[in-house]
Amino acid sequence: MFARFTCVALFCSWALWSCKPPEVNVATWPQGVKYEVFVLSFADGNGDGKGDLKGLTAKLDYLQDLGVNGIWLMPIMNAPSYHKYDVMDYKSIHADYGTPEDFRAFIAEAHRHGIKVIIDLILNHTGTEHPWFKGATQGKNNPYRHYYVWAKKDSIRTQMAKKTTSFDSDNITQWHPVNGDTQAEHYYGYFWAGMPDLNFDNPRVKQEFMEIGKFWLSDMQVDGFRLDAARHIFPTDRAADNHAFWQEFRQAMQYLKPDVYLVGEVWADAKEVAPYLKGLPSLFNFDMGYAITDVVNAGRDTMKLIERYKRISDYYRASTPEYTDAIFLKNHDQNRILSELGGDPGKMRVAAGILMTLPGTPYVYYGEEIGMLGKKPDEYIREPFVWATDDKAKENLQTSWEQPRYSTAQTVTPASLQQNDPASLYNAYRNLIHFRNSSKALTFGTIDPSGVNVAEVVSFKRTHEGETVLVLHNVSDVEVTVTLENSNAAFNTIVFDSNGTTKLNNGELTLPAYATVILKPKQA
C-alpha cells in the first residue's frame, strides 16, 4: 500500500510560496488551469451517496481557491452505465446528477465564481439504449437505420480481419451482432458493443449534432465542449474526412457562440494529432503526459523532455499557428499519476511543477491535487474524492457510490486536512497554479531551451512581451548545483521556490531534491 500524505519530516521543509495568492490574475479564458470532474465521485449534495450537481455547486469555493478557471465535466447526460459514455439522450441531465434546473443553477454559480464550464460531448457513438439505435434495429426501412454503420453477414469475416484493438486492450472486435444473432447484419462499435458508432456520411446525423450543440451552448449556457474520440468519427483510413468534419463543426459552434471553447481527444502521436488543430483549436497532448512521467520516474535524461516538446509544437505549428495546447499528466482513462510514480510524493510534486510551467492550458484530474491513487480497471481510477476522515465524510459531501480500492482516508490525507497544512500536496498545487495565473510569461509565453545541461534538471525559459523567466526542476532525489552562466547569469532573483530552501549565491544555484524554482532578472 502507498504511504499516506502527512507532514512528516520529509515534508516539513516544504514551504508555501506565499501565504496569499497574488492580487493580479492574468490568465484570461481560454488560458488558465482547467479541472476535470467525474461528477458521480466528486460531491454528494443530497445524501444518496452519489455525486451530483448540487454537491459540485457547493464545492465551487474549493475550486476557485485552488485557482482553476474552467471545469470539464465528464458525461452528464442520461445513460445506463456508471461512466455515461453510452448516451441515450443528448438533451438531458442524468437523474442521479439532478435536474436541468440544477444544471442551470450550477452554471450560473460557476460563472459567478469566474469559472467556465465545458461538458463532454460524445459524437462518435451513442449507447444501444438510445432511441436512434433502437429504431435502427427494427429494419432497413426505419428512418434511423442509416444513423449507424452496418455490415452484411458474409462480409464480417473480411471486416474482422481488419479489426484493431481497443484503447484499453480488451481485444474487442469492432463488429457486433444485434441481440446476439450472429446470422443477422452486424453493427460497428469501435470501443464496445454497448456503444455503436454513428454514420457521419449521413447528413442527418451531422444535423442532429448541430442542434445538440445549439441546445447546450444557447439553452444551457455551457462555454464549450470536450470532444470524445475525435479521430474515430470516420475510420482511421479516412483521416482527411475527420479533419474536414471538425472544421465544419467548429464553424457551426462558433456561429452559435463566437468564443466557444473546443478541446478534442485525439489519442495518437503528434504527427497524427496536428492536422486536427484546424477544426479543434485545442487538443490533449498525450505525448507530453507520457514524457513527463518517464523523465520524472527516470530522474534524469531531462534534456530530452524539452526537445520532445519542441518537436511536438513544430508539428502543431506547421498545421496551424493558432492553437492552445491542452497539457496534462493523466486523465480518467489512465492509471492515476501518483500510482504511475510509485507513490513517491517528491516525484508527484516535481511532475506538477513541470506541468504548471509548460505552455498551454494545464488540466488537473480531480483528486490529483491531493494525491489520489488508482489503477485500472476504470472504476478504480474514478474513485470517490477524499474530502474528509471517515467520521466526517458525509457532512463534507463525500460520495460512497463505490467502495474504493486505492484512495481512502487511510491512504490519502483528505482535502479538508490538506487545505490547512502549508506543506501539503494540495497547497503545492495551489501555489503553483496561483503563481502561474500571476505570470504572463508562464500563461502566454513561448518556450526555449535554457542552455542548462544537467542530466537531473529540466530547464527552459518562458517569454512574453519582454518578460522572461528561467524555470528549473530537479527531478532527482539528491541535491543538485547548477552554475548560471552566460545569458542565465542575469537571472539572479528567485521568485518561486517550491520548498523554500533553494540557495543562490554568486551564480551557483543549489536545488534540493524534487524542487521547482523560477528566477527572474533583478529589476533595476
Protein backbone atom coordinates (compact mmCIF):
# COMPACT_ATOMS: atom_id res chain seq x y z
CA MET A 1 0.00 0.00 0.00
CA PHE A 2 1.22 3.50 -0.75
CA ALA A 3 2.33 5.84 2.00
CA ARG A 4 -0.16 8.33 3.33
CA PHE A 5 0.43 12.04 2.69
CA THR A 6 1.23 13.57 6.07
CA CYS A 7 3.52 16.32 7.25
CA VAL A 8 6.27 14.05 8.49
CA ALA A 9 9.92 15.02 8.46
CA LEU A 10 10.15 14.62 4.70
CA PHE A 11 7.63 17.37 4.18
CA CYS A 12 8.44 19.78 6.98
CA SER A 13 10.86 21.67 4.76
CA TRP A 14 8.29 22.19 2.01
CA ALA A 15 7.26 25.83 2.29
CA LEU A 16 4.47 27.92 0.91
CA TRP A 17 5.43 30.17 -1.96
CA SER A 18 3.21 32.79 -0.39
CA CYS A 19 0.55 32.90 2.31
CA LYS A 20 -1.71 34.83 -0.02
CA PRO A 21 -2.25 34.40 -3.75
CA PRO A 22 -1.15 37.33 -5.93
CA GLU A 23 -3.74 40.04 -6.44
CA VAL A 24 -3.39 40.13 -10.24
CA ASN A 25 -4.67 37.18 -12.28
CA VAL A 26 -3.59 37.47 -15.91
CA ALA A 27 -4.99 34.10 -17.01
CA THR A 28 -7.93 35.09 -19.16
CA TRP A 29 -10.14 32.46 -20.82
CA PRO A 30 -9.41 30.19 -22.59
CA GLN A 31 -5.98 30.33 -20.95
CA GLY A 32 -5.73 29.24 -17.34
CA VAL A 33 -5.85 25.94 -15.48
CA LYS A 34 -8.75 23.52 -16.03
CA TYR A 35 -10.11 20.82 -13.74
CA GLU A 36 -11.62 17.52 -14.92
CA VAL A 37 -14.53 16.27 -12.78
CA PHE A 38 -16.27 12.90 -12.66
CA VAL A 39 -19.49 14.17 -11.12
CA LEU A 40 -20.53 10.79 -9.68
CA SER A 41 -17.40 10.74 -7.49
CA PHE A 42 -16.97 14.39 -6.59
CA ALA A 43 -19.53 15.67 -4.08
CA ASP A 44 -22.88 14.35 -2.85
CA GLY A 45 -25.39 17.18 -2.41
CA ASN A 46 -28.48 15.15 -1.47
CA GLY A 47 -27.13 12.37 0.74
CA ASP A 48 -27.78 9.42 -1.58
CA GLY A 49 -24.09 8.54 -1.85
CA LYS A 50 -23.80 9.65 -5.48
CA GLY A 51 -22.08 12.81 -6.64
CA ASP A 52 -24.41 15.38 -8.18
CA LEU A 53 -24.69 18.93 -9.45
CA LYS A 54 -25.80 20.36 -6.12
CA GLY A 55 -22.71 18.88 -4.49
CA LEU A 56 -20.49 20.22 -7.24
CA THR A 57 -22.06 23.66 -6.84
CA ALA A 58 -21.33 23.54 -3.11
CA LYS A 59 -17.65 22.85 -3.85
CA LEU A 60 -17.09 25.76 -6.23
CA ASP A 61 -15.35 27.73 -3.47
CA TYR A 62 -12.81 24.89 -3.25
CA LEU A 63 -12.13 25.02 -6.97
CA GLN A 64 -11.95 28.82 -7.00
CA ASP A 65 -9.45 28.77 -4.14
CA LEU A 66 -7.37 26.18 -5.98
CA GLY A 67 -7.13 28.71 -8.81
CA VAL A 68 -8.79 26.96 -11.74
CA ASN A 69 -10.87 28.99 -14.20
CA GLY A 70 -12.51 26.13 -16.07
CA ILE A 71 -14.21 22.83 -15.27
CA TRP A 72 -14.54 19.90 -17.67
CA LEU A 73 -17.47 17.69 -16.72
CA MET A 74 -17.27 14.08 -17.82
CA PRO A 75 -20.60 12.89 -19.32
CA ILE A 76 -23.67 14.17 -17.51
CA MET A 77 -26.37 13.01 -19.94
CA ASN A 78 -28.81 10.18 -19.39
CA ALA A 79 -27.10 6.80 -19.90
CA PRO A 80 -27.34 3.30 -18.40
CA SER A 81 -23.68 2.87 -17.34
CA TYR A 82 -21.86 4.44 -14.42
CA HIS A 83 -19.48 6.25 -16.80
CA LYS A 84 -22.26 7.57 -19.08
CA TYR A 85 -20.34 7.48 -22.35
CA ASP A 86 -23.16 5.30 -23.75
CA VAL A 87 -25.57 8.23 -24.17
CA MET A 88 -29.29 7.56 -24.55
CA ASP A 89 -30.49 11.19 -24.60
CA TYR A 90 -28.23 14.05 -25.67
CA LYS A 91 -30.51 16.76 -24.32
CA SER A 92 -30.83 15.53 -20.76
CA ILE A 93 -29.27 15.50 -17.31
CA HIS A 94 -28.87 12.09 -15.71
CA ALA A 95 -31.33 11.75 -12.83
CA ASP A 96 -28.54 10.80 -10.39
CA TYR A 97 -26.93 14.17 -11.09
CA GLY A 98 -30.04 16.29 -10.75
CA THR A 99 -32.38 18.25 -13.00
CA PRO A 100 -31.93 20.72 -15.84
CA GLU A 101 -32.72 23.43 -13.30
CA ASP A 102 -29.90 22.15 -11.07
CA PHE A 103 -27.57 22.35 -14.06
CA ARG A 104 -28.57 25.91 -14.91
CA ALA A 105 -28.08 26.90 -11.26
CA PHE A 106 -24.63 25.29 -11.31
CA ILE A 107 -23.65 27.13 -14.50
CA ALA A 108 -24.80 30.47 -13.07
CA GLU A 109 -22.90 29.92 -9.84
CA ALA A 110 -19.75 28.72 -11.63
CA HIS A 111 -19.79 31.85 -13.77
CA ARG A 112 -20.25 33.96 -10.64
CA HIS A 113 -17.08 32.31 -9.30
CA GLY A 114 -15.22 33.21 -12.50
CA ILE A 115 -15.20 29.59 -13.68
CA LYS A 116 -16.25 28.49 -17.17
CA VAL A 117 -17.80 25.08 -17.83
CA ILE A 118 -17.22 22.64 -20.67
CA ILE A 119 -19.01 19.31 -20.97
CA ASP A 120 -18.16 16.01 -22.59
CA LEU A 121 -19.93 15.69 -25.94
CA ILE A 122 -19.83 12.19 -27.41
CA LEU A 123 -20.31 12.36 -31.17
CA ASN A 124 -18.60 9.15 -32.23
CA HIS A 125 -21.25 6.82 -30.81
CA THR A 126 -24.47 6.52 -28.85
CA GLY A 127 -25.50 3.83 -26.42
CA THR A 128 -27.59 0.87 -27.54
CA GLU A 129 -30.44 2.27 -25.41
CA HIS A 130 -30.63 5.45 -27.48
CA PRO A 131 -33.94 5.71 -29.41
CA TRP A 132 -31.96 6.16 -32.64
CA PHE A 133 -30.30 2.77 -32.25
CA LYS A 134 -33.47 1.06 -31.08
CA GLY A 135 -35.15 2.32 -34.22
CA ALA A 136 -32.20 1.28 -36.37
CA THR A 137 -32.53 -2.34 -35.25
CA GLN A 138 -36.18 -2.51 -36.38
CA GLY A 139 -35.34 -2.98 -40.05
CA LYS A 140 -33.79 -1.37 -43.09
CA ASN A 141 -36.79 0.87 -43.70
CA ASN A 142 -36.58 2.56 -40.32
CA PRO A 143 -35.54 6.25 -40.67
CA TYR A 144 -32.74 5.72 -38.12
CA ARG A 145 -31.25 2.70 -39.89
CA HIS A 146 -28.62 4.78 -41.65
CA TYR A 147 -27.66 6.64 -38.48
CA TYR A 148 -25.33 3.69 -37.85
CA VAL A 149 -22.82 1.55 -39.77
CA TRP A 150 -23.80 -1.99 -40.80
CA ALA A 151 -22.08 -4.92 -42.49
CA LYS A 152 -23.64 -7.92 -44.14
CA LYS A 153 -23.07 -11.29 -42.53
CA ASP A 154 -20.99 -12.59 -45.44
CA SER A 155 -18.58 -9.63 -45.24
CA ILE A 156 -17.99 -9.83 -41.49
CA ARG A 157 -15.09 -12.28 -41.84
CA THR A 158 -13.27 -9.79 -44.07
CA GLN A 159 -14.07 -6.92 -41.70
CA MET A 160 -12.93 -8.94 -38.69
CA ALA A 161 -9.55 -9.45 -40.32
CA LYS A 162 -9.16 -5.66 -40.29
CA LYS A 163 -10.19 -5.20 -36.66
CA THR A 164 -7.94 -3.27 -34.31
CA THR A 165 -7.51 -3.44 -30.58
CA SER A 166 -9.50 -1.01 -28.48
CA PHE A 167 -7.73 1.68 -26.46
CA ASP A 168 -7.82 -0.28 -23.22
CA SER A 169 -6.54 -3.54 -24.75
CA ASP A 170 -9.71 -5.53 -24.18
CA ASN A 171 -9.29 -7.10 -27.65
CA ILE A 172 -12.84 -6.19 -28.50
CA THR A 173 -13.88 -6.91 -32.06
CA GLN A 174 -15.48 -3.87 -33.65
CA TRP A 175 -18.41 -5.64 -35.35
CA HIS A 176 -21.31 -6.80 -33.19
CA PRO A 177 -24.49 -8.81 -33.79
CA VAL A 178 -27.82 -7.37 -32.66
CA ASN A 179 -29.13 -9.28 -29.62
CA GLY A 180 -26.51 -11.96 -30.19
CA ASP A 181 -27.94 -13.02 -33.54
CA THR A 182 -24.76 -13.89 -35.42
CA GLN A 183 -26.74 -14.63 -38.59
CA ALA A 184 -28.00 -11.05 -38.81
CA GLU A 185 -26.21 -7.95 -40.03
CA HIS A 186 -23.63 -6.61 -37.61
CA TYR A 187 -23.20 -3.01 -36.47
CA TYR A 188 -19.89 -1.23 -35.98
CA GLY A 189 -18.87 -0.25 -32.45
CA TYR A 190 -15.22 0.65 -32.11
CA PHE A 191 -14.98 0.76 -28.32
CA TRP A 192 -17.65 -1.64 -27.12
CA ALA A 193 -20.81 -3.43 -28.24
CA GLY A 194 -22.80 -1.12 -25.96
CA MET A 195 -21.64 1.96 -27.90
CA PRO A 196 -22.49 1.67 -31.62
CA ASP A 197 -20.67 4.13 -33.89
CA LEU A 198 -22.69 6.73 -35.73
CA ASN A 199 -22.63 7.15 -39.52
CA PHE A 200 -21.39 10.64 -40.32
CA ASP A 201 -21.71 10.04 -44.02
CA ASN A 202 -25.40 10.63 -43.30
CA PRO A 203 -26.11 14.40 -43.37
CA ARG A 204 -28.98 13.91 -40.93
CA VAL A 205 -26.55 12.69 -38.27
CA LYS A 206 -24.44 15.81 -38.72
CA GLN A 207 -27.54 18.00 -38.43
CA GLU A 208 -28.58 16.24 -35.23
CA PHE A 209 -25.35 17.31 -33.58
CA MET A 210 -25.60 20.86 -34.80
CA GLU A 211 -28.94 21.01 -32.95
CA ILE A 212 -27.49 19.29 -29.90
CA GLY A 213 -24.63 21.81 -29.82
CA LYS A 214 -27.15 24.64 -30.02
CA PHE A 215 -29.10 23.22 -27.07
CA TRP A 216 -26.08 23.14 -24.77
CA LEU A 217 -24.49 26.41 -25.87
CA SER A 218 -27.64 28.52 -26.13
CA ASP A 219 -30.22 26.92 -23.86
CA MET A 220 -27.93 25.56 -21.12
CA GLN A 221 -25.20 28.22 -21.42
CA VAL A 222 -22.15 25.95 -21.37
CA ASP A 223 -18.90 27.51 -22.56
CA GLY A 224 -17.66 24.72 -24.76
CA PHE A 225 -17.15 21.02 -25.31
CA ARG A 226 -14.60 18.33 -24.76
CA LEU A 227 -14.97 16.18 -27.89
CA ASP A 228 -14.59 12.50 -27.15
CA ALA A 229 -12.87 10.06 -29.55
CA ALA A 230 -12.39 12.80 -32.16
CA ARG A 231 -10.24 10.70 -34.50
CA HIS A 232 -12.92 7.99 -34.82
CA ILE A 233 -15.74 9.97 -36.46
CA PHE A 234 -14.67 8.31 -39.70
CA PRO A 235 -12.42 5.23 -39.95
CA THR A 236 -8.73 5.91 -39.49
CA ASP A 237 -8.05 5.48 -43.21
CA ARG A 238 -10.32 8.49 -43.79
CA ALA A 239 -8.36 10.97 -41.71
CA ALA A 240 -8.98 13.80 -44.20
CA ASP A 241 -12.73 13.35 -43.71
CA ASN A 242 -12.22 13.57 -39.95
CA HIS A 243 -10.27 16.81 -40.33
CA ALA A 244 -12.93 18.33 -42.61
CA PHE A 245 -15.76 17.32 -40.28
CA TRP A 246 -14.23 19.06 -37.29
CA GLN A 247 -13.66 22.25 -39.28
CA GLU A 248 -17.33 22.19 -40.24
CA PHE A 249 -18.35 21.53 -36.63
CA ARG A 250 -16.13 24.34 -35.31
CA GLN A 251 -17.61 26.82 -37.76
CA ALA A 252 -21.15 25.86 -36.74
CA MET A 253 -20.40 26.14 -33.00
CA GLN A 254 -18.65 29.50 -33.42
CA TYR A 255 -21.73 30.79 -35.24
CA LEU A 256 -23.73 29.96 -32.10
CA LYS A 257 -21.10 31.21 -29.62
CA PRO A 258 -18.12 33.08 -31.11
CA ASP A 259 -15.88 32.38 -28.10
CA VAL A 260 -16.84 28.71 -27.77
CA TYR A 261 -14.01 26.55 -26.39
CA LEU A 262 -13.44 23.22 -28.12
CA VAL A 263 -10.87 20.71 -26.90
CA GLY A 264 -10.54 17.33 -28.54
CA GLU A 265 -9.31 13.87 -27.66
CA VAL A 266 -7.07 12.56 -30.42
CA TRP A 267 -5.12 9.80 -28.70
CA ALA A 268 -2.20 9.48 -31.10
CA ASP A 269 1.31 10.78 -31.70
CA ALA A 270 1.91 14.44 -32.53
CA LYS A 271 2.22 13.93 -36.28
CA GLU A 272 -1.28 12.44 -36.44
CA VAL A 273 -2.73 14.92 -33.96
CA ALA A 274 -1.52 18.10 -35.71
CA PRO A 275 -3.97 18.23 -38.67
CA TYR A 276 -6.94 18.16 -36.30
CA LEU A 277 -5.99 21.58 -34.91
CA LYS A 278 -7.68 23.40 -37.78
CA GLY A 279 -11.01 22.13 -36.54
CA LEU A 280 -10.23 21.58 -32.87
CA PRO A 281 -8.09 24.52 -31.73
CA SER A 282 -7.13 22.72 -28.53
CA LEU A 283 -6.11 19.07 -28.27
CA PHE A 284 -4.89 16.98 -25.36
CA ASN A 285 -1.14 16.42 -25.51
CA PHE A 286 -0.85 12.74 -24.62
CA ASP A 287 2.78 12.65 -25.78
CA MET A 288 3.86 15.14 -23.14
CA GLY A 289 1.93 13.42 -20.38
CA TYR A 290 3.87 10.23 -21.08
CA ALA A 291 7.14 12.15 -21.45
CA ILE A 292 6.80 13.92 -18.08
CA THR A 293 6.02 10.62 -16.36
CA ASP A 294 9.02 8.90 -17.97
CA VAL A 295 11.51 11.66 -17.11
CA VAL A 296 10.33 12.02 -13.51
CA ASN A 297 10.47 8.26 -12.97
CA ALA A 298 13.95 8.07 -14.50
CA GLY A 299 15.28 11.07 -12.57
CA ARG A 300 17.46 12.09 -15.50
CA ASP A 301 17.59 12.44 -19.32
CA THR A 302 15.87 15.76 -18.80
CA MET A 303 17.14 17.47 -21.95
CA LYS A 304 15.01 15.09 -24.00
CA LEU A 305 11.82 16.47 -22.45
CA ILE A 306 12.08 19.97 -23.91
CA GLU A 307 13.42 18.61 -27.19
CA ARG A 308 10.33 16.41 -27.35
CA TYR A 309 8.04 19.33 -26.58
CA LYS A 310 9.66 21.41 -29.31
CA ARG A 311 9.18 18.62 -31.84
CA ILE A 312 5.51 18.34 -30.90
CA SER A 313 4.97 22.10 -31.14
CA ASP A 314 6.72 22.19 -34.52
CA TYR A 315 4.23 19.63 -35.85
CA TYR A 316 1.35 21.64 -34.41
CA ARG A 317 2.59 24.98 -35.69
CA ALA A 318 3.07 23.57 -39.18
CA SER A 319 -0.62 22.70 -39.20
CA THR A 320 -1.83 25.99 -37.73
CA PRO A 321 -0.09 28.72 -35.74
CA GLU A 322 -3.27 29.37 -33.76
CA TYR A 323 -3.76 26.60 -31.23
CA THR A 324 -3.88 26.10 -27.47
CA ASP A 325 -2.03 23.08 -26.14
CA ALA A 326 -4.04 21.10 -23.55
CA ILE A 327 -1.37 19.59 -21.32
CA PHE A 328 -1.99 17.11 -18.52
CA LEU A 329 -0.33 14.33 -16.52
CA LYS A 330 -3.07 11.67 -16.58
CA ASN A 331 -6.81 11.58 -17.16
CA HIS A 332 -9.83 9.33 -16.50
CA ASP A 333 -8.65 6.67 -18.98
CA GLN A 334 -5.21 6.17 -17.42
CA ASN A 335 -3.72 4.97 -14.15
CA ARG A 336 -3.52 7.89 -11.75
CA ILE A 337 -0.26 9.81 -11.90
CA LEU A 338 0.84 9.16 -8.29
CA SER A 339 0.37 5.43 -8.82
CA GLU A 340 2.44 5.67 -12.03
CA LEU A 341 5.15 7.41 -9.98
CA GLY A 342 5.28 4.59 -7.45
CA GLY A 343 3.51 6.59 -4.74
CA ASP A 344 6.54 8.88 -4.37
CA PRO A 345 5.39 12.32 -3.08
CA GLY A 346 8.58 14.07 -4.23
CA LYS A 347 8.13 12.84 -7.78
CA MET A 348 4.50 13.89 -7.66
CA ARG A 349 5.40 17.45 -6.69
CA VAL A 350 8.02 17.94 -9.37
CA ALA A 351 5.73 16.42 -12.02
CA ALA A 352 3.13 19.01 -11.02
CA GLY A 353 5.80 21.69 -11.24
CA ILE A 354 6.68 20.71 -14.80
CA LEU A 355 3.01 20.62 -15.81
CA MET A 356 2.29 24.07 -14.41
CA THR A 357 5.26 25.74 -16.09
CA LEU A 358 4.83 24.44 -19.65
CA PRO A 359 2.93 26.39 -22.34
CA GLY A 360 -0.76 25.79 -22.95
CA THR A 361 -3.65 25.16 -20.58
CA PRO A 362 -2.87 22.61 -17.86
CA TYR A 363 -5.60 20.14 -16.89
CA VAL A 364 -5.81 18.63 -13.41
CA TYR A 365 -7.72 15.36 -13.00
CA TYR A 366 -9.91 15.57 -9.90
CA GLY A 367 -8.09 14.32 -6.80
CA GLU A 368 -4.67 14.60 -8.42
CA GLU A 369 -4.03 17.67 -6.26
CA ILE A 370 -4.49 15.68 -3.04
CA GLY A 371 -2.54 12.62 -4.18
CA MET A 372 -5.35 10.21 -5.02
CA LEU A 373 -4.22 6.80 -6.22
CA GLY A 374 -5.70 4.38 -8.72
CA LYS A 375 -5.06 1.72 -11.31
CA LYS A 376 -7.27 0.15 -13.95
CA PRO A 377 -9.93 -1.15 -14.37
CA ASP A 378 -11.55 2.22 -14.91
CA GLU A 379 -13.78 2.23 -11.83
CA TYR A 380 -10.67 2.34 -9.67
CA ILE A 381 -9.22 5.40 -11.37
CA ARG A 382 -12.55 7.20 -10.82
CA GLU A 383 -12.99 6.60 -7.11
CA PRO A 384 -14.77 8.99 -4.69
CA PHE A 385 -12.91 12.20 -3.97
CA VAL A 386 -11.46 12.06 -0.44
CA TRP A 387 -12.88 15.11 1.32
CA ALA A 388 -12.59 14.14 4.98
CA THR A 389 -11.83 11.45 7.52
CA ASP A 390 -14.36 8.63 7.67
CA ASP A 391 -16.27 10.07 10.64
CA LYS A 392 -16.76 13.40 8.85
CA ALA A 393 -17.08 12.18 5.27
CA LYS A 394 -20.84 12.55 4.89
CA GLU A 395 -21.00 16.08 6.31
CA ASN A 396 -18.24 17.03 3.83
CA LEU A 397 -20.36 15.66 0.93
CA GLN A 398 -18.09 12.69 0.24
CA THR A 399 -19.65 10.19 -2.17
CA SER A 400 -20.00 6.48 -1.41
CA TRP A 401 -21.27 5.02 -4.70
CA GLU A 402 -18.21 2.80 -4.87
CA GLN A 403 -16.05 1.05 -2.28
CA PRO A 404 -12.60 2.44 -3.09
CA ARG A 405 -9.66 0.12 -3.55
CA TYR A 406 -6.87 2.72 -3.71
CA SER A 407 -7.95 6.13 -2.39
CA THR A 408 -9.30 6.09 1.14
CA ALA A 409 -8.86 8.34 4.17
CA GLN A 410 -6.20 5.85 5.30
CA THR A 411 -4.09 6.07 2.11
CA VAL A 412 -4.68 9.71 1.14
CA THR A 413 -4.80 12.66 3.53
CA PRO A 414 -8.27 14.18 2.98
CA ALA A 415 -8.63 17.53 1.26
CA SER A 416 -10.11 19.20 4.36
CA LEU A 417 -6.90 18.44 6.26
CA GLN A 418 -4.54 19.28 3.41
CA GLN A 419 -6.11 22.72 2.95
CA ASN A 420 -4.92 23.66 6.45
CA ASP A 421 -1.44 22.19 6.04
CA PRO A 422 1.07 24.55 4.36
CA ALA A 423 3.28 21.55 3.50
CA SER A 424 0.52 19.53 1.81
CA LEU A 425 0.36 18.44 -1.80
CA TYR A 426 -2.86 20.45 -2.17
CA ASN A 427 -1.05 23.64 -1.24
CA ALA A 428 1.85 22.74 -3.53
CA TYR A 429 -0.67 22.59 -6.40
CA ARG A 430 -2.46 25.72 -5.23
CA ASN A 431 0.77 27.72 -5.04
CA LEU A 432 1.89 26.59 -8.47
CA ILE A 433 -1.48 27.44 -10.02
CA HIS A 434 -1.70 30.87 -8.39
CA PHE A 435 1.83 31.74 -9.39
CA ARG A 436 1.19 30.63 -12.96
CA ASN A 437 -2.01 32.73 -13.00
CA SER A 438 0.03 35.79 -11.97
CA SER A 439 2.69 35.36 -14.65
CA LYS A 440 2.22 36.44 -18.25
CA ALA A 441 5.35 34.55 -19.23
CA LEU A 442 4.03 31.24 -17.85
CA THR A 443 0.46 31.80 -19.03
CA PHE A 444 1.09 33.07 -22.56
CA GLY A 445 4.82 32.78 -23.21
CA THR A 446 6.92 30.91 -25.71
CA ILE A 447 9.31 28.20 -24.57
CA ASP A 448 13.00 27.91 -25.36
CA PRO A 449 15.88 25.77 -24.06
CA SER A 450 17.80 27.45 -21.28
CA GLY A 451 21.22 26.04 -22.04
CA VAL A 452 21.38 24.36 -18.63
CA ASN A 453 22.84 20.92 -19.36
CA VAL A 454 22.46 18.97 -16.14
CA ALA A 455 21.09 15.47 -16.51
CA GLU A 456 18.87 15.73 -13.42
CA VAL A 457 17.41 19.17 -14.21
CA VAL A 458 14.58 20.04 -16.58
CA SER A 459 15.16 23.67 -17.52
CA PHE A 460 13.74 26.15 -20.01
CA LYS A 461 12.84 29.80 -20.48
CA ARG A 462 9.38 31.22 -20.95
CA THR A 463 8.97 34.67 -22.57
CA HIS A 464 6.05 37.00 -23.22
CA GLU A 465 6.06 40.73 -24.03
CA GLY A 466 9.54 41.33 -22.69
CA GLU A 467 9.06 39.25 -19.55
CA THR A 468 11.32 36.18 -19.34
CA VAL A 469 11.57 33.64 -16.54
CA LEU A 470 14.08 30.84 -16.09
CA VAL A 471 12.48 27.60 -14.89
CA LEU A 472 14.36 24.72 -13.29
CA HIS A 473 13.07 21.38 -11.97
CA ASN A 474 15.29 18.91 -10.15
CA VAL A 475 13.72 15.52 -10.97
CA SER A 476 16.24 13.55 -8.89
CA ASP A 477 16.22 12.52 -5.24
CA VAL A 478 19.50 14.32 -4.48
CA GLU A 479 20.56 17.95 -4.22
CA VAL A 480 21.95 19.39 -7.46
CA THR A 481 24.03 22.54 -8.03
CA VAL A 482 23.63 24.48 -11.28
CA THR A 483 26.03 27.18 -12.43
CA LEU A 484 24.14 30.07 -14.01
CA GLU A 485 26.42 31.35 -16.74
CA ASN A 486 26.29 33.27 -19.99
CA SER A 487 22.77 34.64 -20.53
CA ASN A 488 21.49 32.75 -17.49
CA ALA A 489 23.70 34.79 -15.18
CA ALA A 490 21.19 37.64 -15.40
CA PHE A 491 18.58 35.53 -13.64
CA ASN A 492 19.59 36.41 -10.11
CA THR A 493 16.27 36.63 -8.26
CA ILE A 494 14.24 33.62 -7.04
CA VAL A 495 10.54 34.40 -7.49
CA PHE A 496 9.17 30.91 -6.85
CA ASP A 497 10.67 28.18 -4.71
CA SER A 498 8.57 25.06 -4.17
CA ASN A 499 10.20 24.08 -0.88
CA GLY A 500 11.74 27.31 0.38
CA THR A 501 15.33 26.07 0.82
CA THR A 502 16.87 26.67 -2.60
CA LYS A 503 20.09 28.70 -2.41
CA LEU A 504 21.50 31.15 -4.95
CA ASN A 505 24.97 32.53 -4.28
CA ASN A 506 27.18 34.20 -6.88
CA GLY A 507 25.59 32.40 -9.77
CA GLU A 508 25.57 28.99 -8.06
CA LEU A 509 22.01 27.65 -7.66
CA THR A 510 21.60 24.74 -5.25
CA LEU A 511 18.40 22.83 -5.97
CA PRO A 512 17.03 20.44 -3.34
CA ALA A 513 15.64 17.08 -4.44
CA TYR A 514 12.41 17.36 -6.46
CA ALA A 515 12.41 21.17 -6.27
CA THR A 516 10.81 23.58 -8.73
CA VAL A 517 12.42 27.01 -8.90
CA ILE A 518 11.66 30.05 -11.07
CA LEU A 519 14.02 33.01 -11.47
CA LYS A 520 13.85 36.47 -12.99
CA PRO A 521 16.47 39.12 -13.63
CA LYS A 522 16.63 41.58 -10.76
CA GLN A 523 14.65 44.72 -11.52
CA ALA A 524 16.70 47.87 -11.95
